[in-house]
Amino acid sequence: MDGAKRSNIKPGSHVSIVLKQDQRSGKRTEGIVKDILTKSSTHPHGIKVRLESGAVGRVKEVFR
């Protein structure tokens, strides 16, 4: 699923994110969403989340 829509993401969702320092390379990090940090319903670069590991980044893909 698309990571640009806030409605697709809930705490506990398994997602892949791009960390700020990995934006140039596009390297992705997988994890479980702890907090949703973006307040708007959509964002062109992906909704910003904090994973349970503490990593913060923008969601590129939501796994079922």
N, C-alpha and C. Protein backbone atom coordinates (compact mmCIF):
# COMPACT_ATOMS: atom_id res chain seq x y z
N MET A 1 0.84 -1.19 0.00
CA MET A 1 0.00 0.00 0.00
C MET A 1 0.88 1.25 0.00
N ASP A 2 0.26 2.33 -0.37
CA ASP A 2 0.94 3.61 -0.51
C ASP A 2 1.20 4.24 0.87
N GLY A 3 2.41 4.73 1.06
CA GLY A 3 2.78 5.37 2.31
C GLY A 3 2.50 6.86 2.36
N ALA A 4 1.88 7.41 1.29
CA ALA A 4 1.60 8.85 1.25
C ALA A 4 0.26 9.20 1.88
N LYS A 5 -0.56 8.20 2.21
CA LYS A 5 -1.87 8.43 2.82
C LYS A 5 -1.84 8.02 4.28
N ARG A 6 -2.19 8.95 5.15
CA ARG A 6 -2.18 8.68 6.60
C ARG A 6 -3.17 7.58 6.98
N SER A 7 -4.27 7.48 6.24
CA SER A 7 -5.32 6.49 6.56
C SER A 7 -4.83 5.05 6.36
N ASN A 8 -3.75 4.85 5.59
CA ASN A 8 -3.21 3.50 5.36
C ASN A 8 -2.31 3.03 6.51
N ILE A 9 -1.95 3.94 7.40
CA ILE A 9 -0.93 3.66 8.42
C ILE A 9 -1.54 3.76 9.81
N LYS A 10 -1.29 2.74 10.63
CA LYS A 10 -1.77 2.74 12.01
C LYS A 10 -0.64 2.26 12.92
N PRO A 11 -0.63 2.67 14.19
CA PRO A 11 0.37 2.11 15.11
C PRO A 11 0.26 0.59 15.09
N GLY A 12 1.40 -0.08 14.97
CA GLY A 12 1.42 -1.53 14.87
C GLY A 12 1.57 -2.02 13.44
N SER A 13 1.44 -1.13 12.44
CA SER A 13 1.59 -1.51 11.04
C SER A 13 3.05 -1.84 10.73
N HIS A 14 3.26 -2.84 9.86
CA HIS A 14 4.60 -3.20 9.39
C HIS A 14 4.86 -2.37 8.13
N VAL A 15 5.91 -1.54 8.17
CA VAL A 15 6.18 -0.61 7.06
C VAL A 15 7.66 -0.62 6.68
N SER A 16 7.94 -0.03 5.52
CA SER A 16 9.32 0.25 5.15
C SER A 16 9.43 1.77 5.01
N ILE A 17 10.46 2.34 5.63
CA ILE A 17 10.66 3.79 5.63
C ILE A 17 12.03 4.13 5.05
N VAL A 18 12.17 5.41 4.66
CA VAL A 18 13.47 5.95 4.27
C VAL A 18 13.86 6.97 5.34
N LEU A 19 15.00 6.73 5.98
CA LEU A 19 15.51 7.65 7.00
C LEU A 19 16.05 8.91 6.32
N LYS A 20 16.12 10.01 7.05
CA LYS A 20 16.61 11.29 6.51
C LYS A 20 17.99 11.12 5.87
N GLN A 21 18.88 10.43 6.56
CA GLN A 21 20.25 10.28 6.04
C GLN A 21 20.34 9.33 4.85
N ASP A 22 19.27 8.56 4.60
CA ASP A 22 19.26 7.62 3.48
C ASP A 22 18.45 8.12 2.28
N GLN A 23 18.00 9.37 2.32
CA GLN A 23 17.15 9.87 1.24
C GLN A 23 17.84 9.85 -0.12
N ARG A 24 19.14 10.17 -0.16
CA ARG A 24 19.87 10.18 -1.43
C ARG A 24 20.00 8.78 -2.02
N SER A 25 20.31 7.80 -1.17
CA SER A 25 20.52 6.43 -1.64
C SER A 25 19.20 5.68 -1.80
N GLY A 26 18.17 6.09 -1.06
CA GLY A 26 16.88 5.41 -1.12
C GLY A 26 16.84 4.13 -0.29
N LYS A 27 17.87 3.90 0.53
CA LYS A 27 17.93 2.70 1.38
C LYS A 27 16.74 2.69 2.33
N ARG A 28 16.09 1.53 2.42
CA ARG A 28 14.89 1.42 3.25
C ARG A 28 15.15 0.66 4.53
N THR A 29 14.38 1.00 5.55
CA THR A 29 14.44 0.35 6.84
C THR A 29 13.04 -0.15 7.16
N GLU A 30 12.94 -1.41 7.58
CA GLU A 30 11.63 -1.98 7.92
C GLU A 30 11.42 -1.98 9.42
N GLY A 31 10.16 -1.88 9.82
CA GLY A 31 9.85 -1.94 11.24
C GLY A 31 8.36 -1.78 11.49
N ILE A 32 8.04 -1.71 12.77
CA ILE A 32 6.66 -1.58 13.23
C ILE A 32 6.43 -0.13 13.70
N VAL A 33 5.33 0.48 13.24
CA VAL A 33 5.03 1.88 13.58
C VAL A 33 4.68 2.01 15.06
N LYS A 34 5.35 2.96 15.72
CA LYS A 34 5.02 3.28 17.11
C LYS A 34 4.16 4.55 17.14
N ASP A 35 4.60 5.61 16.44
CA ASP A 35 3.88 6.89 16.42
C ASP A 35 3.81 7.42 14.99
N ILE A 36 2.69 8.08 14.65
CA ILE A 36 2.57 8.79 13.38
C ILE A 36 2.85 10.26 13.66
N LEU A 37 3.84 10.82 12.97
CA LEU A 37 4.29 12.18 13.27
C LEU A 37 3.68 13.23 12.35
N THR A 38 3.27 12.85 11.14
CA THR A 38 2.65 13.80 10.20
C THR A 38 1.18 13.98 10.57
N LYS A 39 0.75 15.22 10.68
CA LYS A 39 -0.63 15.51 11.07
C LYS A 39 -1.58 15.53 9.88
N SER A 40 -1.09 15.92 8.68
CA SER A 40 -1.97 16.02 7.52
C SER A 40 -2.36 14.64 7.00
N SER A 41 -3.45 14.57 6.23
CA SER A 41 -3.96 13.28 5.75
C SER A 41 -3.10 12.67 4.65
N THR A 42 -2.37 13.51 3.91
CA THR A 42 -1.46 13.00 2.87
C THR A 42 -0.18 13.81 2.88
N HIS A 43 0.87 13.24 2.28
CA HIS A 43 2.13 13.95 2.10
C HIS A 43 2.80 13.36 0.87
N PRO A 44 3.25 14.20 -0.07
CA PRO A 44 3.80 13.68 -1.33
C PRO A 44 5.03 12.80 -1.17
N HIS A 45 5.81 12.98 -0.11
CA HIS A 45 7.02 12.19 0.09
C HIS A 45 6.82 11.04 1.07
N GLY A 46 5.61 10.89 1.59
CA GLY A 46 5.33 9.83 2.56
C GLY A 46 5.06 10.39 3.93
N ILE A 47 4.24 9.69 4.68
CA ILE A 47 3.89 10.10 6.05
C ILE A 47 5.07 9.81 6.97
N LYS A 48 5.43 10.76 7.81
CA LYS A 48 6.56 10.58 8.72
C LYS A 48 6.10 9.81 9.96
N VAL A 49 6.86 8.77 10.32
CA VAL A 49 6.53 7.94 11.47
C VAL A 49 7.77 7.66 12.31
N ARG A 50 7.52 7.25 13.56
CA ARG A 50 8.59 6.74 14.43
C ARG A 50 8.33 5.25 14.59
N LEU A 51 9.36 4.45 14.36
CA LEU A 51 9.25 3.00 14.53
C LEU A 51 9.49 2.63 15.98
N GLU A 52 9.14 1.40 16.36
CA GLU A 52 9.38 0.92 17.73
C GLU A 52 10.87 0.93 18.06
N SER A 53 11.73 0.84 17.03
CA SER A 53 13.18 0.88 17.24
C SER A 53 13.68 2.30 17.54
N GLY A 54 12.81 3.30 17.33
CA GLY A 54 13.19 4.69 17.55
C GLY A 54 13.56 5.41 16.27
N ALA A 55 13.68 4.70 15.15
CA ALA A 55 14.03 5.30 13.87
C ALA A 55 12.86 6.16 13.38
N VAL A 56 13.18 7.32 12.78
CA VAL A 56 12.17 8.23 12.25
C VAL A 56 12.41 8.40 10.76
N GLY A 57 11.35 8.25 9.96
CA GLY A 57 11.48 8.43 8.53
C GLY A 57 10.13 8.48 7.85
N ARG A 58 10.16 8.58 6.52
CA ARG A 58 8.93 8.68 5.74
C ARG A 58 8.58 7.31 5.16
N VAL A 59 7.30 6.94 5.28
CA VAL A 59 6.82 5.63 4.84
C VAL A 59 6.80 5.57 3.31
N LYS A 60 7.43 4.53 2.76
CA LYS A 60 7.40 4.29 1.32
C LYS A 60 6.47 3.14 0.97
N GLU A 61 6.31 2.18 1.89
CA GLU A 61 5.45 1.03 1.62
C GLU A 61 4.86 0.51 2.93
N VAL A 62 3.59 0.12 2.86
CA VAL A 62 2.91 -0.47 4.00
C VAL A 62 2.63 -1.93 3.65
N PHE A 63 3.08 -2.86 4.49
CA PHE A 63 2.87 -4.28 4.26
C PHE A 63 1.59 -4.72 4.96
N ARG A 64 0.94 -5.73 4.42
CA ARG A 64 -0.30 -6.24 5.01
C ARG A 64 0.00 -7.11 6.21
